[in-house]
Amino acid sequence: MRIALGPTDLSKLQVSFLEPPTVNMALAPSLSAGVLGPQLPLPLWGVIDRAVRGGAENWLTNHVVAPHVYTFNLDKLKRKSELTAEDVQVATAAALEASRRF
């Protein structure tokens, strides 16, 4: 995996895998399909499971496996030119909490 941060702040995080990552997931068969009754037949769950896994693998390959790069925008980490009243409140609360711990 390759991770790159933005050049001027930490508001952009780029992620790229050198090879497809291994993803473990489980589908919980609790879907009700109206006419089909309270539970779907087991073979249908296999079809749904394969479709979801295949879709996830395709998305990963097409978006985050090299040469593709996926960019996460972390707006909370964007450099600010001025502080808002809310910023000051959050920082004050964090400082008070930190002082209580030490």
PDB file of N, CA and C in Angstrom:
ATOM      1  N   MET A   1       0.844  -1.159   0.000  1.00  0.00           N
ATOM      2  CA  MET A   1       0.000   0.000   0.000  1.00  0.00           C
ATOM      3  C   MET A   1       0.897   1.231   0.000  1.00  0.00           C
ATOM      4  N   ARG A   2       0.478   2.230  -0.740  1.00  0.00           N
ATOM      5  CA  ARG A   2       1.178   3.507  -0.785  1.00  0.00           C
ATOM      6  C   ARG A   2       0.212   4.574  -0.295  1.00  0.00           C
ATOM      7  N   ILE A   3       0.681   5.390   0.661  1.00  0.00           N
ATOM      8  CA  ILE A   3      -0.135   6.475   1.192  1.00  0.00           C
ATOM      9  C   ILE A   3       0.633   7.771   0.991  1.00  0.00           C
ATOM     10  N   ALA A   4      -0.033   8.782   0.471  1.00  0.00           N
ATOM     11  CA  ALA A   4       0.585  10.086   0.274  1.00  0.00           C
ATOM     12  C   ALA A   4      -0.315  11.153   0.860  1.00  0.00           C
ATOM     13  N   LEU A   5       0.280  12.106   1.558  1.00  0.00           N
ATOM     14  CA  LEU A   5      -0.467  13.224   2.120  1.00  0.00           C
ATOM     15  C   LEU A   5      -0.319  14.429   1.208  1.00  0.00           C
ATOM     16  N   GLY A   6      -1.254  15.367   1.312  1.00  0.00           N
ATOM     17  CA  GLY A   6      -1.190  16.588   0.512  1.00  0.00           C
ATOM     18  C   GLY A   6       0.085  17.362   0.803  1.00  0.00           C
ATOM     19  N   PRO A   7       0.553  18.166  -0.154  1.00  0.00           N
ATOM     20  CA  PRO A   7       1.828  18.862  -0.006  1.00  0.00           C
ATOM     21  C   PRO A   7       1.824  19.977   1.033  1.00  0.00           C
ATOM     22  N   THR A   8       0.686  20.633   1.264  1.00  0.00           N
ATOM     23  CA  THR A   8       0.684  21.783   2.167  1.00  0.00           C
ATOM     24  C   THR A   8      -0.066  21.551   3.463  1.00  0.00           C
ATOM     25  N   ASP A   9      -0.924  20.583   3.523  1.00  0.00           N
ATOM     26  CA  ASP A   9      -1.637  20.263   4.754  1.00  0.00           C
ATOM     27  C   ASP A   9      -2.036  18.787   4.717  1.00  0.00           C
ATOM     28  N   LEU A  10      -2.794  18.365   5.699  1.00  0.00           N
ATOM     29  CA  LEU A  10      -3.172  16.948   5.785  1.00  0.00           C
ATOM     30  C   LEU A  10      -4.596  16.702   5.298  1.00  0.00           C
ATOM     31  N   SER A  11      -5.143  17.626   4.512  1.00  0.00           N
ATOM     32  CA  SER A  11      -6.541  17.518   4.118  1.00  0.00           C
ATOM     33  C   SER A  11      -6.793  16.554   2.967  1.00  0.00           C
ATOM     34  N   LYS A  12      -5.757  16.090   2.314  1.00  0.00           N
ATOM     35  CA  LYS A  12      -5.914  15.102   1.237  1.00  0.00           C
ATOM     36  C   LYS A  12      -5.020  13.900   1.530  1.00  0.00           C
ATOM     37  N   LEU A  13      -5.622  12.747   1.510  1.00  0.00           N
ATOM     38  CA  LEU A  13      -4.908  11.499   1.750  1.00  0.00           C
ATOM     39  C   LEU A  13      -5.121  10.628   0.528  1.00  0.00           C
ATOM     40  N   GLN A  14      -4.040  10.243  -0.145  1.00  0.00           N
ATOM     41  CA  GLN A  14      -4.140   9.401  -1.328  1.00  0.00           C
ATOM     42  C   GLN A  14      -3.682   7.988  -0.980  1.00  0.00           C
ATOM     43  N   VAL A  15      -4.490   7.013  -1.371  1.00  0.00           N
ATOM     44  CA  VAL A  15      -4.216   5.613  -1.064  1.00  0.00           C
ATOM     45  C   VAL A  15      -4.190   4.810  -2.361  1.00  0.00           C
ATOM     46  N   SER A  16      -3.187   3.949  -2.481  1.00  0.00           N
ATOM     47  CA  SER A  16      -3.089   3.065  -3.632  1.00  0.00           C
ATOM     48  C   SER A  16      -2.460   1.754  -3.176  1.00  0.00           C
ATOM     49  N   PHE A  17      -3.023   0.634  -3.611  1.00  0.00           N
ATOM     50  CA  PHE A  17      -2.477  -0.681  -3.284  1.00  0.00           C
ATOM     51  C   PHE A  17      -1.656  -1.182  -4.464  1.00  0.00           C
ATOM     52  N   LEU A  18      -0.539  -1.830  -4.179  1.00  0.00           N
ATOM     53  CA  LEU A  18       0.293  -2.386  -5.237  1.00  0.00           C
ATOM     54  C   LEU A  18      -0.344  -3.621  -5.856  1.00  0.00           C
ATOM     55  N   GLU A  19      -1.151  -4.323  -5.060  1.00  0.00           N
ATOM     56  CA  GLU A  19      -1.889  -5.488  -5.548  1.00  0.00           C
ATOM     57  C   GLU A  19      -3.250  -5.482  -4.872  1.00  0.00           C
ATOM     58  N   PRO A  20      -4.226  -6.189  -5.420  1.00  0.00           N
ATOM     59  CA  PRO A  20      -5.563  -6.162  -4.809  1.00  0.00           C
ATOM     60  C   PRO A  20      -5.518  -6.607  -3.348  1.00  0.00           C
ATOM     61  N   PRO A  21      -6.129  -5.817  -2.451  1.00  0.00           N
ATOM     62  CA  PRO A  21      -6.127  -6.185  -1.031  1.00  0.00           C
ATOM     63  C   PRO A  21      -7.103  -7.326  -0.761  1.00  0.00           C
ATOM     64  N   THR A  22      -6.861  -8.045   0.304  1.00  0.00           N
ATOM     65  CA  THR A  22      -7.779  -9.089   0.748  1.00  0.00           C
ATOM     66  C   THR A  22      -8.832  -8.439   1.636  1.00  0.00           C
ATOM     67  N   VAL A  23     -10.068  -8.657   1.299  1.00  0.00           N
ATOM     68  CA  VAL A  23     -11.159  -8.064   2.063  1.00  0.00           C
ATOM     69  C   VAL A  23     -12.031  -9.182   2.593  1.00  0.00           C
ATOM     70  N   ASN A  24     -12.271  -9.173   3.893  1.00  0.00           N
ATOM     71  CA  ASN A  24     -13.154 -10.162   4.513  1.00  0.00           C
ATOM     72  C   ASN A  24     -14.462  -9.484   4.874  1.00  0.00           C
ATOM     73  N   MET A  25     -15.551 -10.086   4.491  1.00  0.00           N
ATOM     74  CA  MET A  25     -16.857  -9.538   4.827  1.00  0.00           C
ATOM     75  C   MET A  25     -17.852 -10.680   4.953  1.00  0.00           C
ATOM     76  N   ALA A  26     -18.926 -10.427   5.660  1.00  0.00           N
ATOM     77  CA  ALA A  26     -19.989 -11.417   5.800  1.00  0.00           C
ATOM     78  C   ALA A  26     -21.327 -10.717   5.620  1.00  0.00           C
ATOM     79  N   LEU A  27     -22.203 -11.322   4.848  1.00  0.00           N
ATOM     80  CA  LEU A  27     -23.548 -10.799   4.691  1.00  0.00           C
ATOM     81  C   LEU A  27     -24.458 -11.509   5.682  1.00  0.00           C
ATOM     82  N   ALA A  28     -25.245 -10.745   6.381  1.00  0.00           N
ATOM     83  CA  ALA A  28     -26.182 -11.320   7.349  1.00  0.00           C
ATOM     84  C   ALA A  28     -27.531 -11.505   6.662  1.00  0.00           C
ATOM     85  N   PRO A  29     -27.997 -12.755   6.545  1.00  0.00           N
ATOM     86  CA  PRO A  29     -29.252 -13.014   5.832  1.00  0.00           C
ATOM     87  C   PRO A  29     -30.483 -12.641   6.646  1.00  0.00           C
ATOM     88  N   SER A  30     -30.759 -11.341   6.752  1.00  0.00           N
ATOM     89  CA  SER A  30     -31.939 -10.914   7.488  1.00  0.00           C
ATOM     90  C   SER A  30     -32.875 -10.090   6.609  1.00  0.00           C
ATOM     91  N   LEU A  31     -32.725 -10.228   5.305  1.00  0.00           N
ATOM     92  CA  LEU A  31     -33.533  -9.478   4.351  1.00  0.00           C
ATOM     93  C   LEU A  31     -34.892 -10.141   4.184  1.00  0.00           C
ATOM     94  N   SER A  32     -35.920  -9.351   4.186  1.00  0.00           N
ATOM     95  CA  SER A  32     -37.264  -9.828   3.894  1.00  0.00           C
ATOM     96  C   SER A  32     -37.661  -9.278   2.540  1.00  0.00           C
ATOM     97  N   ALA A  33     -38.209 -10.105   1.712  1.00  0.00           N
ATOM     98  CA  ALA A  33     -38.522  -9.675   0.352  1.00  0.00           C
ATOM     99  C   ALA A  33     -40.011  -9.732   0.058  1.00  0.00           C
ATOM    100  N   GLY A  34     -40.838  -9.357   0.992  1.00  0.00           N
ATOM    101  CA  GLY A  34     -42.275  -9.266   0.773  1.00  0.00           C
ATOM    102  C   GLY A  34     -42.902 -10.550   0.271  1.00  0.00           C
ATOM    103  N   VAL A  35     -43.070 -10.680  -1.026  1.00  0.00           N
ATOM    104  CA  VAL A  35     -43.758 -11.813  -1.636  1.00  0.00           C
ATOM    105  C   VAL A  35     -43.005 -13.116  -1.405  1.00  0.00           C
ATOM    106  N   LEU A  36     -41.675 -13.037  -1.306  1.00  0.00           N
ATOM    107  CA  LEU A  36     -40.884 -14.260  -1.145  1.00  0.00           C
ATOM    108  C   LEU A  36     -40.923 -14.804   0.274  1.00  0.00           C
ATOM    109  N   GLY A  37     -41.547 -14.091   1.192  1.00  0.00           N
ATOM    110  CA  GLY A  37     -41.647 -14.580   2.548  1.00  0.00           C
ATOM    111  C   GLY A  37     -40.604 -13.947   3.449  1.00  0.00           C
ATOM    112  N   PRO A  38     -40.531 -14.402   4.707  1.00  0.00           N
ATOM    113  CA  PRO A  38     -39.668 -13.765   5.697  1.00  0.00           C
ATOM    114  C   PRO A  38     -38.171 -13.952   5.428  1.00  0.00           C
ATOM    115  N   GLN A  39     -37.805 -15.017   4.744  1.00  0.00           N
ATOM    116  CA  GLN A  39     -36.390 -15.225   4.448  1.00  0.00           C
ATOM    117  C   GLN A  39     -36.227 -15.671   3.007  1.00  0.00           C
ATOM    118  N   LEU A  40     -35.139 -15.214   2.399  1.00  0.00           N
ATOM    119  CA  LEU A  40     -34.860 -15.640   1.029  1.00  0.00           C
ATOM    120  C   LEU A  40     -34.240 -17.030   1.037  1.00  0.00           C
ATOM    121  N   PRO A  41     -34.446 -17.826   0.008  1.00  0.00           N
ATOM    122  CA  PRO A  41     -33.854 -19.163  -0.045  1.00  0.00           C
ATOM    123  C   PRO A  41     -32.327 -19.082  -0.032  1.00  0.00           C
ATOM    124  N   LEU A  42     -31.686 -20.079   0.572  1.00  0.00           N
ATOM    125  CA  LEU A  42     -30.237 -20.107   0.717  1.00  0.00           C
ATOM    126  C   LEU A  42     -29.489 -19.952  -0.607  1.00  0.00           C
ATOM    127  N   PRO A  43     -29.877 -20.603  -1.711  1.00  0.00           N
ATOM    128  CA  PRO A  43     -29.148 -20.404  -2.973  1.00  0.00           C
ATOM    129  C   PRO A  43     -29.154 -18.940  -3.426  1.00  0.00           C
ATOM    130  N   LEU A  44     -30.233 -18.226  -3.137  1.00  0.00           N
ATOM    131  CA  LEU A  44     -30.299 -16.819  -3.519  1.00  0.00           C
ATOM    132  C   LEU A  44     -29.283 -16.001  -2.723  1.00  0.00           C
ATOM    133  N   TRP A  45     -29.051 -16.367  -1.468  1.00  0.00           N
ATOM    134  CA  TRP A  45     -28.037 -15.671  -0.668  1.00  0.00           C
ATOM    135  C   TRP A  45     -26.655 -15.862  -1.265  1.00  0.00           C
ATOM    136  N   GLY A  46     -26.389 -17.019  -1.821  1.00  0.00           N
ATOM    137  CA  GLY A  46     -25.104 -17.256  -2.487  1.00  0.00           C
ATOM    138  C   GLY A  46     -24.925 -16.338  -3.682  1.00  0.00           C
ATOM    139  N   VAL A  47     -25.994 -16.146  -4.459  1.00  0.00           N
ATOM    140  CA  VAL A  47     -25.946 -15.249  -5.612  1.00  0.00           C
ATOM    141  C   VAL A  47     -25.702 -13.813  -5.146  1.00  0.00           C
ATOM    142  N   ILE A  48     -26.421 -13.393  -4.113  1.00  0.00           N
ATOM    143  CA  ILE A  48     -26.259 -12.035  -3.583  1.00  0.00           C
ATOM    144  C   ILE A  48     -24.849 -11.851  -3.034  1.00  0.00           C
ATOM    145  N   ASP A  49     -24.345 -12.824  -2.286  1.00  0.00           N
ATOM    146  CA  ASP A  49     -23.002 -12.764  -1.704  1.00  0.00           C
ATOM    147  C   ASP A  49     -21.938 -12.614  -2.801  1.00  0.00           C
ATOM    148  N   ARG A  50     -22.039 -13.438  -3.851  1.00  0.00           N
ATOM    149  CA  ARG A  50     -21.066 -13.361  -4.951  1.00  0.00           C
ATOM    150  C   ARG A  50     -21.143 -12.014  -5.670  1.00  0.00           C
ATOM    151  N   ALA A  51     -22.361 -11.494  -5.845  1.00  0.00           N
ATOM    152  CA  ALA A  51     -22.524 -10.201  -6.517  1.00  0.00           C
ATOM    153  C   ALA A  51     -21.900  -9.070  -5.696  1.00  0.00           C
ATOM    154  N   VAL A  52     -22.121  -9.080  -4.389  1.00  0.00           N
ATOM    155  CA  VAL A  52     -21.559  -8.034  -3.528  1.00  0.00           C
ATOM    156  C   VAL A  52     -20.040  -8.138  -3.487  1.00  0.00           C
ATOM    157  N   ARG A  53     -19.529  -9.357  -3.303  1.00  0.00           N
ATOM    158  CA  ARG A  53     -18.065  -9.540  -3.280  1.00  0.00           C
ATOM    159  C   ARG A  53     -17.443  -9.151  -4.619  1.00  0.00           C
ATOM    160  N   GLY A  54     -18.065  -9.560  -5.715  1.00  0.00           N
ATOM    161  CA  GLY A  54     -17.554  -9.207  -7.036  1.00  0.00           C
ATOM    162  C   GLY A  54     -17.569  -7.704  -7.264  1.00  0.00           C
ATOM    163  N   GLY A  55     -18.634  -7.058  -6.832  1.00  0.00           N
ATOM    164  CA  GLY A  55     -18.726  -5.605  -6.955  1.00  0.00           C
ATOM    165  C   GLY A  55     -17.648  -4.908  -6.141  1.00  0.00           C
ATOM    166  N   ALA A  56     -17.414  -5.389  -4.927  1.00  0.00           N
ATOM    167  CA  ALA A  56     -16.369  -4.794  -4.075  1.00  0.00           C
ATOM    168  C   ALA A  56     -14.989  -4.995  -4.695  1.00  0.00           C
ATOM    169  N   GLU A  57     -14.720  -6.192  -5.194  1.00  0.00           N
ATOM    170  CA  GLU A  57     -13.422  -6.460  -5.831  1.00  0.00           C
ATOM    171  C   GLU A  57     -13.225  -5.591  -7.067  1.00  0.00           C
ATOM    172  N   ASN A  58     -14.265  -5.451  -7.879  1.00  0.00           N
ATOM    173  CA  ASN A  58     -14.176  -4.604  -9.071  1.00  0.00           C
ATOM    174  C   ASN A  58     -13.918  -3.154  -8.696  1.00  0.00           C
ATOM    175  N   TRP A  59     -14.640  -2.652  -7.679  1.00  0.00           N
ATOM    176  CA  TRP A  59     -14.452  -1.261  -7.267  1.00  0.00           C
ATOM    177  C   TRP A  59     -13.027  -1.045  -6.779  1.00  0.00           C
ATOM    178  N   LEU A  60     -12.535  -1.950  -5.936  1.00  0.00           N
ATOM    179  CA  LEU A  60     -11.166  -1.811  -5.429  1.00  0.00           C
ATOM    180  C   LEU A  60     -10.157  -1.809  -6.565  1.00  0.00           C
ATOM    181  N   THR A  61     -10.303  -2.747  -7.492  1.00  0.00           N
ATOM    182  CA  THR A  61      -9.363  -2.846  -8.609  1.00  0.00           C
ATOM    183  C   THR A  61      -9.406  -1.585  -9.474  1.00  0.00           C
ATOM    184  N   ASN A  62     -10.599  -1.058  -9.699  1.00  0.00           N
ATOM    185  CA  ASN A  62     -10.752   0.102 -10.589  1.00  0.00           C
ATOM    186  C   ASN A  62     -10.498   1.448  -9.914  1.00  0.00           C
ATOM    187  N   HIS A  63     -10.372   1.464  -8.574  1.00  0.00           N
ATOM    188  CA  HIS A  63     -10.224   2.742  -7.888  1.00  0.00           C
ATOM    189  C   HIS A  63      -8.998   2.849  -6.978  1.00  0.00           C
ATOM    190  N   VAL A  64      -8.524   1.749  -6.408  1.00  0.00           N
ATOM    191  CA  VAL A  64      -7.424   1.886  -5.435  1.00  0.00           C
ATOM    192  C   VAL A  64      -6.239   0.963  -5.673  1.00  0.00           C
ATOM    193  N   VAL A  65      -6.283   0.136  -6.705  1.00  0.00           N
ATOM    194  CA  VAL A  65      -5.132  -0.719  -7.013  1.00  0.00           C
ATOM    195  C   VAL A  65      -4.319  -0.018  -8.105  1.00  0.00           C
ATOM    196  N   ALA A  66      -2.997   0.070  -7.887  1.00  0.00           N
ATOM    197  CA  ALA A  66      -2.108   0.787  -8.818  1.00  0.00           C
ATOM    198  C   ALA A  66      -2.385   0.355 -10.251  1.00  0.00           C
ATOM    199  N   PRO A  67      -2.414   1.264 -11.172  1.00  0.00           N
ATOM    200  CA  PRO A  67      -1.956   2.651 -11.099  1.00  0.00           C
ATOM    201  C   PRO A  67      -3.009   3.616 -10.559  1.00  0.00           C
ATOM    202  N   HIS A  68      -4.184   3.136 -10.169  1.00  0.00           N
ATOM    203  CA  HIS A  68      -5.243   4.005  -9.661  1.00  0.00           C
ATOM    204  C   HIS A  68      -4.914   4.469  -8.244  1.00  0.00           C
ATOM    205  N   VAL A  69      -5.351   5.669  -7.922  1.00  0.00           N
ATOM    206  CA  VAL A  69      -5.151   6.253  -6.599  1.00  0.00           C
ATOM    207  C   VAL A  69      -6.493   6.801  -6.139  1.00  0.00           C
ATOM    208  N   TYR A  70      -6.873   6.493  -4.905  1.00  0.00           N
ATOM    209  CA  TYR A  70      -8.112   7.033  -4.356  1.00  0.00           C
ATOM    210  C   TYR A  70      -7.762   8.156  -3.389  1.00  0.00           C
ATOM    211  N   THR A  71      -8.419   9.292  -3.534  1.00  0.00           N
ATOM    212  CA  THR A  71      -8.143  10.442  -2.678  1.00  0.00           C
ATOM    213  C   THR A  71      -9.274  10.634  -1.676  1.00  0.00           C
ATOM    214  N   PHE A  72      -8.912  10.643  -0.389  1.00  0.00           N
ATOM    215  CA  PHE A  72      -9.843  10.970   0.680  1.00  0.00           C
ATOM    216  C   PHE A  72      -9.671  12.453   0.983  1.00  0.00           C
ATOM    217  N   ASN A  73     -10.759  13.201   1.000  1.00  0.00           N
ATOM    218  CA  ASN A  73     -10.704  14.613   1.364  1.00  0.00           C
ATOM    219  C   ASN A  73     -11.067  14.742   2.840  1.00  0.00           C
ATOM    220  N   LEU A  74     -10.113  15.161   3.633  1.00  0.00           N
ATOM    221  CA  LEU A  74     -10.292  15.297   5.075  1.00  0.00           C
ATOM    222  C   LEU A  74     -10.425  16.783   5.400  1.00  0.00           C
ATOM    223  N   ASP A  75     -11.622  17.313   5.200  1.00  0.00           N
ATOM    224  CA  ASP A  75     -11.841  18.751   5.346  1.00  0.00           C
ATOM    225  C   ASP A  75     -11.511  19.272   6.744  1.00  0.00           C
ATOM    226  N   LYS A  76     -11.675  18.441   7.763  1.00  0.00           N
ATOM    227  CA  LYS A  76     -11.367  18.876   9.135  1.00  0.00           C
ATOM    228  C   LYS A  76      -9.880  19.180   9.309  1.00  0.00           C
ATOM    229  N   LEU A  77      -9.027  18.646   8.444  1.00  0.00           N
ATOM    230  CA  LEU A  77      -7.590  18.864   8.558  1.00  0.00           C
ATOM    231  C   LEU A  77      -7.077  19.937   7.596  1.00  0.00           C
ATOM    232  N   LYS A  78      -7.989  20.598   6.909  1.00  0.00           N
ATOM    233  CA  LYS A  78      -7.598  21.644   5.957  1.00  0.00           C
ATOM    234  C   LYS A  78      -7.049  22.847   6.730  1.00  0.00           C
ATOM    235  N   ARG A  79      -5.967  23.406   6.221  1.00  0.00           N
ATOM    236  CA  ARG A  79      -5.346  24.574   6.850  1.00  0.00           C
ATOM    237  C   ARG A  79      -6.329  25.743   6.819  1.00  0.00           C
ATOM    238  N   LYS A  80      -6.441  26.435   7.967  1.00  0.00           N
ATOM    239  CA  LYS A  80      -7.373  27.549   8.066  1.00  0.00           C
ATOM    240  C   LYS A  80      -6.610  28.868   8.081  1.00  0.00           C
ATOM    241  N   SER A  81      -7.250  29.890   7.533  1.00  0.00           N
ATOM    242  CA  SER A  81      -6.630  31.207   7.568  1.00  0.00           C
ATOM    243  C   SER A  81      -7.117  32.003   8.779  1.00  0.00           C
ATOM    244  N   GLU A  82      -8.254  31.600   9.360  1.00  0.00           N
ATOM    245  CA  GLU A  82      -8.745  32.250  10.572  1.00  0.00           C
ATOM    246  C   GLU A  82      -9.588  31.260  11.357  1.00  0.00           C
ATOM    247  N   LEU A  83      -9.712  31.496  12.650  1.00  0.00           N
ATOM    248  CA  LEU A  83     -10.467  30.615  13.530  1.00  0.00           C
ATOM    249  C   LEU A  83     -11.886  31.122  13.710  1.00  0.00           C
ATOM    250  N   THR A  84     -12.826  30.190  13.787  1.00  0.00           N
ATOM    251  CA  THR A  84     -14.203  30.548  14.085  1.00  0.00           C
ATOM    252  C   THR A  84     -14.422  30.417  15.587  1.00  0.00           C
ATOM    253  N   ALA A  85     -15.548  30.901  16.062  1.00  0.00           N
ATOM    254  CA  ALA A  85     -15.891  30.773  17.480  1.00  0.00           C
ATOM    255  C   ALA A  85     -15.996  29.288  17.853  1.00  0.00           C
ATOM    256  N   GLU A  86     -16.507  28.486  16.941  1.00  0.00           N
ATOM    257  CA  GLU A  86     -16.618  27.041  17.196  1.00  0.00           C
ATOM    258  C   GLU A  86     -15.239  26.404  17.322  1.00  0.00           C
ATOM    259  N   ASP A  87     -14.284  26.826  16.486  1.00  0.00           N
ATOM    260  CA  ASP A  87     -12.915  26.312  16.579  1.00  0.00           C
ATOM    261  C   ASP A  87     -12.331  26.586  17.962  1.00  0.00           C
ATOM    262  N   VAL A  88     -12.553  27.810  18.463  1.00  0.00           N
ATOM    263  CA  VAL A  88     -12.025  28.192  19.777  1.00  0.00           C
ATOM    264  C   VAL A  88     -12.690  27.363  20.871  1.00  0.00           C
ATOM    265  N   GLN A  89     -13.996  27.133  20.762  1.00  0.00           N
ATOM    266  CA  GLN A  89     -14.712  26.321  21.752  1.00  0.00           C
ATOM    267  C   GLN A  89     -14.183  24.886  21.768  1.00  0.00           C
ATOM    268  N   VAL A  90     -14.000  24.300  20.603  1.00  0.00           N
ATOM    269  CA  VAL A  90     -13.505  22.916  20.507  1.00  0.00           C
ATOM    270  C   VAL A  90     -12.106  22.823  21.084  1.00  0.00           C
ATOM    271  N   ALA A  91     -11.240  23.779  20.755  1.00  0.00           N
ATOM    272  CA  ALA A  91      -9.865  23.763  21.264  1.00  0.00           C
ATOM    273  C   ALA A  91      -9.841  23.956  22.772  1.00  0.00           C
ATOM    274  N   THR A  92     -10.683  24.831  23.293  1.00  0.00           N
ATOM    275  CA  THR A  92     -10.747  25.068  24.740  1.00  0.00           C
ATOM    276  C   THR A  92     -11.215  23.812  25.464  1.00  0.00           C
ATOM    277  N   ALA A  93     -12.248  23.171  24.941  1.00  0.00           N
ATOM    278  CA  ALA A  93     -12.751  21.937  25.561  1.00  0.00           C
ATOM    279  C   ALA A  93     -11.697  20.840  25.532  1.00  0.00           C
ATOM    280  N   ALA A  94     -10.974  20.712  24.430  1.00  0.00           N
ATOM    281  CA  ALA A  94      -9.914  19.699  24.322  1.00  0.00           C
ATOM    282  C   ALA A  94      -8.796  19.990  25.313  1.00  0.00           C
ATOM    283  N   ALA A  95      -8.423  21.263  25.476  1.00  0.00           N
ATOM    284  CA  ALA A  95      -7.358  21.630  26.414  1.00  0.00           C
ATOM    285  C   ALA A  95      -7.784  21.353  27.850  1.00  0.00           C
ATOM    286  N   LEU A  96      -9.034  21.650  28.195  1.00  0.00           N
ATOM    287  CA  LEU A  96      -9.528  21.360  29.542  1.00  0.00           C
ATOM    288  C   LEU A  96      -9.536  19.869  29.816  1.00  0.00           C
ATOM    289  N   GLU A  97      -9.986  19.092  28.851  1.00  0.00           N
ATOM    290  CA  GLU A  97     -10.004  17.632  29.003  1.00  0.00           C
ATOM    291  C   GLU A  97      -8.595  17.092  29.188  1.00  0.00           C
ATOM    292  N   ALA A  98      -7.652  17.589  28.398  1.00  0.00           N
ATOM    293  CA  ALA A  98      -6.260  17.146  28.515  1.00  0.00           C
ATOM    294  C   ALA A  98      -5.683  17.520  29.870  1.00  0.00           C
ATOM    295  N   SER A  99      -6.019  18.704  30.385  1.00  0.00           N
ATOM    296  CA  SER A  99      -5.475  19.121  31.691  1.00  0.00           C
ATOM    297  C   SER A  99      -6.030  18.270  32.816  1.00  0.00           C
ATOM    298  N   ARG A 100      -7.252  17.769  32.681  1.00  0.00           N
ATOM    299  CA  ARG A 100      -7.847  16.896  33.705  1.00  0.00           C
ATOM    300  C   ARG A 100      -7.151  15.527  33.747  1.00  0.00           C
ATOM    301  N   ARG A 101      -6.680  15.073  32.595  1.00  0.00           N
ATOM    302  CA  ARG A 101      -6.023  13.760  32.534  1.00  0.00           C
ATOM    303  C   ARG A 101      -4.638  13.775  33.159  1.00  0.00           C
ATOM    304  N   PHE A 102      -3.991  14.924  33.130  1.00  0.00           N
ATOM    305  CA  PHE A 102      -2.621  15.007  33.641  1.00  0.00           C
ATOM    306  C   PHE A 102      -2.630  15.715  34.921  1.00  0.00           C
TER     307      PHE A 102
END
